[in-house]
Amino acid sequence: MRRWVSYGLFPAVLSSAVLGGLALLRAGIPPAWTVIVMIVVCVVPIALAQRFMPYERSWASEAKTYGLDLVHMLLTGIAGELSRAVVLGVLVWATFSAADHGGLGWWPSSWPVLLQLPLALVVGDFGAYWVHRSAHRIPLLWRVHAMHHSSEQLYVLSSGRNHPMNVVLTYTCQIGPLLVLGAGGEVLTLVALFTSMHGMLQHANIDMKHGLFNHIFATADLHRWHHHTDADTGNHNFGSNLILFDQLFGTRYLPQDEQCRQVGLPDLHLPHNVLHHLISPFRLAHYSKPPS
């Protein structure tokens, strides 16, 4: 059973989320609620697998860390990433009619939605890749991104530890091109749902075997190295959902005979307080000092 879960959890959760989300949309459920409901449903097997087959036992979260990240989830994600659901849900509702009737009119709306989704992930990940890569190189952008790397253990709630400004920036760059091209509301909602669930899986503390998926998606195997304590090692694997652009631009990194067990920012000392986290972009130099 453990072997089946190890190999099957990743594709099973993502495919179930997409198919379930599509069914809810076609049953008339609003986009934002579709994302929220499917996240609540799909987080259950992730949480159970994390409990019974952890990748790194020392990453079992302390109560204060769990509570902090849960608050972040409530601020920037509902049962997953509220900002993703709400921000994108609002965008979908606000642009549903306009997107369905045009943009540039270049989007292949006549394709089945399950063929549109892979194309949307590629287009969206191009913007997400470059804004993420820039956030590690441009000090002003790093200020709003650094908080995400402050977690010293990766587990499912780590995906929610994002500053709201970082989320808005990333998803504007991800969803904006799709809106301009004229992608419809259905595919935009599925992109939001896929991104939320994939974010949970790539941060989850689960002993998963990804195999060939490591050459397609930005899996946990790859994303853990992005969170490595060494900055040079961490400057790899910037993809949000896909690893395509890391492969094209030479930033994919996955050692064959090593596992990443050390994550976080050794020089960043953020108090376990959500208010300190929210003001961290404006006082990052203060928090980067050694603790007194």
Protein backbone atom coordinates (compact mmCIF):
# COMPACT_ATOMS: atom_id res chain seq x y z
CA MET A 1 0.00 0.00 0.00
CA ARG A 2 2.77 2.42 0.93
CA ARG A 3 4.41 1.89 -2.46
CA TRP A 4 1.14 2.58 -4.28
CA VAL A 5 0.61 5.78 -2.32
CA SER A 6 4.20 6.87 -2.82
CA TYR A 7 3.97 6.60 -6.60
CA GLY A 8 0.28 7.35 -7.08
CA LEU A 9 -0.57 10.20 -4.72
CA PHE A 10 0.81 13.00 -6.88
CA PRO A 11 -1.02 12.15 -10.13
CA ALA A 12 -4.15 10.98 -8.29
CA VAL A 13 -4.62 14.22 -6.33
CA LEU A 14 -3.97 16.49 -9.31
CA SER A 15 -6.19 14.57 -11.71
CA SER A 16 -8.98 14.29 -9.11
CA ALA A 17 -8.80 18.02 -8.41
CA VAL A 18 -9.02 18.93 -12.10
CA LEU A 19 -11.81 16.48 -12.96
CA GLY A 20 -13.75 17.25 -9.79
CA GLY A 21 -13.34 20.97 -10.35
CA LEU A 22 -14.56 20.70 -13.92
CA ALA A 23 -17.60 18.73 -12.78
CA LEU A 24 -18.46 21.37 -10.17
CA LEU A 25 -18.09 24.20 -12.69
CA ARG A 26 -20.41 22.47 -15.12
CA ALA A 27 -22.88 21.88 -12.31
CA GLY A 28 -23.08 25.65 -11.87
CA ILE A 29 -20.85 26.09 -8.80
CA PRO A 30 -19.12 29.52 -8.84
CA PRO A 31 -15.38 29.45 -9.68
CA ALA A 32 -14.09 30.60 -6.28
CA TRP A 33 -16.23 28.05 -4.44
CA THR A 34 -15.14 25.35 -6.87
CA VAL A 35 -11.51 26.01 -5.97
CA ILE A 36 -12.23 26.10 -2.24
CA VAL A 37 -14.34 22.94 -2.18
CA MET A 38 -11.84 20.89 -4.17
CA ILE A 39 -8.94 22.05 -2.00
CA VAL A 40 -10.81 21.01 1.14
CA VAL A 41 -11.55 17.60 -0.35
CA CYS A 42 -8.09 16.94 -1.79
CA VAL A 43 -6.13 18.13 1.24
CA VAL A 44 -7.41 15.14 3.24
CA PRO A 45 -5.31 12.44 1.48
CA ILE A 46 -2.31 14.79 1.50
CA ALA A 47 -2.59 15.34 5.25
CA LEU A 48 -3.01 11.62 5.92
CA ALA A 49 -0.01 10.68 3.78
CA GLN A 50 2.08 13.36 5.48
CA ARG A 51 1.13 11.90 8.86
CA PHE A 52 1.88 8.26 8.08
CA MET A 53 4.70 8.41 5.51
CA PRO A 54 6.76 11.58 6.05
CA TYR A 55 9.76 12.41 3.91
CA GLU A 56 11.65 13.90 6.86
CA ARG A 57 10.47 13.10 10.39
CA SER A 58 12.31 16.06 11.91
CA TRP A 59 10.06 18.36 9.89
CA ALA A 60 7.05 17.47 11.99
CA SER A 61 5.84 20.96 12.73
CA GLU A 62 5.83 22.45 16.21
CA ALA A 63 2.51 23.78 17.43
CA LYS A 64 3.59 27.41 17.14
CA THR A 65 4.76 26.88 13.55
CA TYR A 66 1.59 25.03 12.64
CA GLY A 67 -0.53 27.79 14.11
CA LEU A 68 1.46 30.51 12.34
CA ASP A 69 1.18 28.83 8.97
CA LEU A 70 -2.48 28.12 9.53
CA VAL A 71 -3.01 31.85 10.07
CA HIS A 72 -1.13 32.46 6.83
CA MET A 73 -3.42 29.97 5.13
CA LEU A 74 -6.43 31.85 6.43
CA LEU A 75 -4.97 35.17 5.31
CA THR A 76 -3.55 34.11 1.97
CA GLY A 77 -5.37 30.86 1.35
CA ILE A 78 -8.61 29.05 2.28
CA ALA A 79 -7.80 25.39 3.11
CA GLY A 80 -4.89 25.79 0.76
CA GLU A 81 -4.08 29.24 -0.44
CA LEU A 82 -6.92 31.65 0.08
CA SER A 83 -5.26 34.40 -1.88
CA ARG A 84 -5.00 32.07 -4.84
CA ALA A 85 -8.64 31.12 -4.60
CA VAL A 86 -9.97 34.58 -3.79
CA VAL A 87 -7.66 36.70 -5.95
CA LEU A 88 -8.05 34.42 -8.92
CA GLY A 89 -11.70 33.83 -8.17
CA VAL A 90 -12.33 37.58 -8.23
CA LEU A 91 -10.31 37.88 -11.42
CA VAL A 92 -12.28 35.09 -13.02
CA TRP A 93 -15.63 36.58 -12.03
CA ALA A 94 -14.62 40.10 -13.06
CA THR A 95 -13.28 38.98 -16.42
CA PHE A 96 -15.45 35.93 -17.13
CA SER A 97 -17.52 37.61 -19.81
CA ALA A 98 -14.64 39.59 -21.29
CA ALA A 99 -12.37 36.56 -21.40
CA ASP A 100 -15.03 34.40 -23.01
CA HIS A 101 -15.56 37.03 -25.68
CA GLY A 102 -12.13 37.89 -26.59
CA GLY A 103 -8.99 39.41 -25.31
CA LEU A 104 -6.88 39.19 -28.41
CA GLY A 105 -8.99 36.30 -29.56
CA TRP A 106 -5.95 34.07 -29.98
CA TRP A 107 -6.92 31.49 -27.38
CA PRO A 108 -8.03 28.11 -28.81
CA SER A 109 -11.41 28.19 -27.06
CA SER A 110 -12.78 25.54 -29.42
CA TRP A 111 -10.44 22.93 -27.93
CA PRO A 112 -11.73 20.64 -25.19
CA VAL A 113 -10.99 22.29 -21.84
CA LEU A 114 -8.73 19.39 -20.79
CA LEU A 115 -6.52 20.22 -23.80
CA GLN A 116 -6.66 23.94 -23.06
CA LEU A 117 -5.42 23.36 -19.51
CA PRO A 118 -1.92 22.07 -20.40
CA LEU A 119 -1.44 25.02 -22.78
CA ALA A 120 -2.65 27.42 -20.08
CA LEU A 121 -0.18 25.94 -17.59
CA VAL A 122 2.69 26.47 -20.04
CA VAL A 123 1.68 30.07 -20.82
CA GLY A 124 1.04 30.90 -17.17
CA ASP A 125 4.23 29.29 -15.93
CA PHE A 126 6.33 31.43 -18.27
CA GLY A 127 5.30 34.56 -16.38
CA ALA A 128 5.44 32.85 -12.98
CA TYR A 129 8.93 31.50 -13.71
CA TRP A 130 10.39 34.89 -14.58
CA VAL A 131 8.82 36.80 -11.71
CA HIS A 132 10.00 34.08 -9.30
CA ARG A 133 13.51 34.05 -10.74
CA SER A 134 13.58 37.86 -10.60
CA ALA A 135 12.50 37.77 -6.96
CA HIS A 136 15.73 35.94 -6.13
CA ARG A 137 17.86 38.49 -7.96
CA ILE A 138 16.20 41.88 -7.50
CA PRO A 139 16.41 43.12 -3.89
CA LEU A 140 13.06 44.95 -3.98
CA LEU A 141 11.25 41.80 -5.12
CA TRP A 142 13.21 39.63 -2.69
CA ARG A 143 11.74 41.69 0.16
CA VAL A 144 8.25 40.40 -0.60
CA HIS A 145 9.40 36.86 -1.40
CA ALA A 146 11.83 36.15 1.43
CA MET A 147 9.11 35.32 3.96
CA HIS A 148 8.14 32.25 1.94
CA HIS A 149 11.65 30.85 2.42
CA SER A 150 11.70 31.46 6.17
CA SER A 151 10.18 28.07 7.03
CA GLU A 152 12.76 25.66 8.41
CA GLN A 153 10.67 22.62 7.58
CA LEU A 154 8.55 21.93 4.53
CA TYR A 155 5.09 20.51 5.03
CA VAL A 156 1.69 21.03 3.47
CA LEU A 157 0.94 24.35 5.21
CA SER A 158 4.29 25.80 4.09
CA SER A 159 2.69 26.51 0.72
CA GLY A 160 0.52 29.15 2.39
CA ARG A 161 3.41 31.07 3.92
CA ASN A 162 3.40 33.78 1.29
CA HIS A 163 3.21 37.52 1.61
CA PRO A 164 0.02 38.81 -0.06
CA MET A 165 2.06 41.14 -2.28
CA ASN A 166 4.11 38.18 -3.48
CA VAL A 167 0.96 36.22 -4.33
CA VAL A 168 -0.65 39.10 -6.21
CA LEU A 169 2.55 39.73 -8.18
CA THR A 170 3.01 36.08 -9.11
CA TYR A 171 -0.56 35.43 -10.11
CA THR A 172 -0.89 38.65 -12.05
CA CYS A 173 2.06 37.51 -14.14
CA GLN A 174 0.59 34.03 -14.42
CA ILE A 175 -3.05 34.81 -15.17
CA GLY A 176 -2.59 38.13 -17.00
CA PRO A 177 -1.28 36.65 -20.27
CA LEU A 178 -4.12 34.13 -20.30
CA LEU A 179 -6.68 36.90 -19.95
CA VAL A 180 -5.04 38.92 -22.70
CA LEU A 181 -5.07 35.92 -25.01
CA GLY A 182 -8.75 35.37 -24.29
CA ALA A 183 -8.75 32.21 -22.16
CA GLY A 184 -12.22 31.41 -20.80
CA GLY A 185 -13.45 31.26 -17.24
CA GLU A 186 -13.43 27.48 -17.04
CA VAL A 187 -9.77 27.09 -17.89
CA LEU A 188 -8.77 30.04 -15.68
CA THR A 189 -10.49 28.39 -12.73
CA LEU A 190 -8.78 25.07 -13.41
CA VAL A 191 -5.40 26.81 -13.56
CA ALA A 192 -6.13 28.34 -10.14
CA LEU A 193 -7.17 24.97 -8.74
CA PHE A 194 -4.24 23.09 -10.24
CA THR A 195 -1.78 25.69 -8.96
CA SER A 196 -3.20 25.55 -5.43
CA MET A 197 -3.11 21.75 -5.23
CA HIS A 198 0.29 21.49 -6.88
CA GLY A 199 1.67 24.05 -4.41
CA MET A 200 0.52 21.89 -1.51
CA LEU A 201 2.03 18.75 -3.03
CA GLN A 202 5.39 20.35 -3.77
CA HIS A 203 5.73 21.53 -0.17
CA ALA A 204 4.23 18.45 1.49
CA ASN A 205 6.41 16.39 3.82
CA ILE A 206 5.54 13.10 2.10
CA ASP A 207 7.82 10.35 0.86
CA MET A 208 6.62 10.47 -2.76
CA LYS A 209 8.26 8.91 -5.80
CA HIS A 210 7.78 11.13 -8.83
CA GLY A 211 9.80 9.32 -11.49
CA LEU A 212 9.18 10.82 -14.94
CA PHE A 213 7.03 13.55 -13.42
CA ASN A 214 10.29 15.19 -12.29
CA HIS A 215 10.87 16.04 -15.97
CA ILE A 216 7.45 17.66 -16.40
CA PHE A 217 6.33 19.20 -13.12
CA ALA A 218 8.07 21.24 -10.41
CA THR A 219 7.65 18.40 -7.94
CA ALA A 220 8.58 18.25 -4.27
CA ASP A 221 11.84 16.49 -5.25
CA LEU A 222 12.85 19.61 -7.16
CA HIS A 223 11.21 22.26 -5.03
CA ARG A 224 12.93 21.18 -1.82
CA TRP A 225 16.26 22.10 -3.41
CA HIS A 226 14.83 25.53 -4.18
CA HIS A 227 14.31 25.97 -0.41
CA HIS A 228 17.83 24.78 0.46
CA THR A 229 19.70 26.78 3.08
CA ASP A 230 22.55 27.42 0.62
CA ALA A 231 21.59 30.40 -1.56
CA ASP A 232 23.44 29.19 -4.66
CA THR A 233 21.70 25.81 -4.44
CA GLY A 234 18.37 27.49 -3.86
CA ASN A 235 18.69 29.60 -7.01
CA HIS A 236 17.25 26.75 -9.06
CA ASN A 237 13.88 25.20 -9.82
CA PHE A 238 11.82 28.38 -10.10
CA GLY A 239 8.88 26.77 -11.90
CA SER A 240 5.49 27.11 -10.28
CA ASN A 241 3.72 24.11 -11.80
CA LEU A 242 6.09 22.98 -14.54
CA ILE A 243 9.84 22.46 -14.72
CA LEU A 244 9.86 23.27 -18.45
CA PHE A 245 11.38 26.72 -18.26
CA ASP A 246 14.00 25.65 -15.73
CA GLN A 247 15.09 23.06 -18.27
CA LEU A 248 15.09 25.60 -21.13
CA PHE A 249 16.99 28.29 -19.21
CA GLY A 250 19.39 26.04 -17.32
CA THR A 251 18.07 26.39 -13.78
CA ARG A 252 16.80 22.84 -13.20
CA TYR A 253 18.70 21.11 -10.39
CA LEU A 254 18.14 17.60 -9.09
CA PRO A 255 21.17 15.65 -7.78
CA GLN A 256 20.80 11.94 -8.45
CA ASP A 257 22.24 10.54 -5.24
CA GLU A 258 21.34 13.23 -2.70
CA GLN A 259 18.25 14.32 -0.81
CA CYS A 260 17.50 17.81 0.46
CA ARG A 261 17.08 17.85 4.24
CA GLN A 262 18.11 21.43 5.11
CA VAL A 263 15.75 24.25 4.20
CA GLY A 264 15.19 27.83 5.26
CA LEU A 265 17.15 31.08 5.48
CA PRO A 266 19.82 30.88 8.19
CA ASP A 267 20.35 34.64 8.18
CA LEU A 268 16.68 35.61 8.42
CA HIS A 269 15.23 35.66 11.93
CA LEU A 270 11.51 36.28 11.70
CA PRO A 271 9.56 36.08 14.98
CA HIS A 272 6.74 33.53 15.02
CA ASN A 273 4.18 36.27 14.68
CA VAL A 274 2.06 36.93 11.62
CA LEU A 275 2.27 40.72 12.04
CA HIS A 276 6.07 40.57 11.88
CA HIS A 277 5.75 38.45 8.76
CA LEU A 278 3.41 40.93 7.10
CA ILE A 279 5.71 43.90 7.75
CA SER A 280 8.86 41.95 6.86
CA PRO A 281 9.20 43.48 3.35
CA PHE A 282 9.55 46.89 4.97
CA ARG A 283 11.99 45.77 7.71
CA LEU A 284 13.88 42.92 6.08
CA ALA A 285 17.29 44.32 7.06
CA HIS A 286 16.20 44.37 10.70
CA TYR A 287 15.13 40.73 10.62
CA SER A 288 18.28 39.73 8.76
CA LYS A 289 20.47 40.69 11.71
CA PRO A 290 21.67 37.94 14.06
CA PRO A 291 19.22 37.55 16.96
CA SER A 292 20.32 39.46 20.07
